[in-house]
Amino acid sequence: MSLRVAVCHRPGAAALAAPLLPGPGRRRNLTTLAGWLAGVGVGVLLLLGGLAAARAQALSLPLQCRLQEGSWQPCRMEIQTLGEHWWLQIGRERIEFRHGGDGSVRMQRAGAAWQAVIPRWQGENSLCWDGVCAQGAIPLD
């Protein structure tokens, strides 16, 4: 659909822009345009809200983890905010991670202070943070 705008000048009044849409009468055209704009606005808000909700929704992934050089065991990676805040649930222990956005990563174990860690890949698909390793389909962003 194409939209044409007619500009009408009346003495003593500001310029008035009236859309020329198909259909009888200018009033109906304005109502149609307002309805169309409202529909587009609602659609955009729903789309943005859905994206924000999807980003905010926590994600839980099954992985294999190990502590220090121990044996691999089932664990879960719980992602609060992808690429920013996640934790590993290894048995009854929760190890939390935060990414600073500048490349820095901090880790906190139960009852301990936050500590800076350096993530590094070990082998083909194991990501480790100072002795805490996870293996599997790890989302990076």
Foldseek 3Di string as FASTA:
>chain_A
DDKDWDWDDDPPDDIDIFIDDDDPDRVVVVVVVVVVVVVVVVVVVVVVVVVVVVQQDKDKDWWWKDFAPDDTDIWIWIGRGAQAKIWICDPPWIKIWGDPVPQWMWIDTPPDDIDTWHWDDDPDAWIDTPRIIIGDPDDND
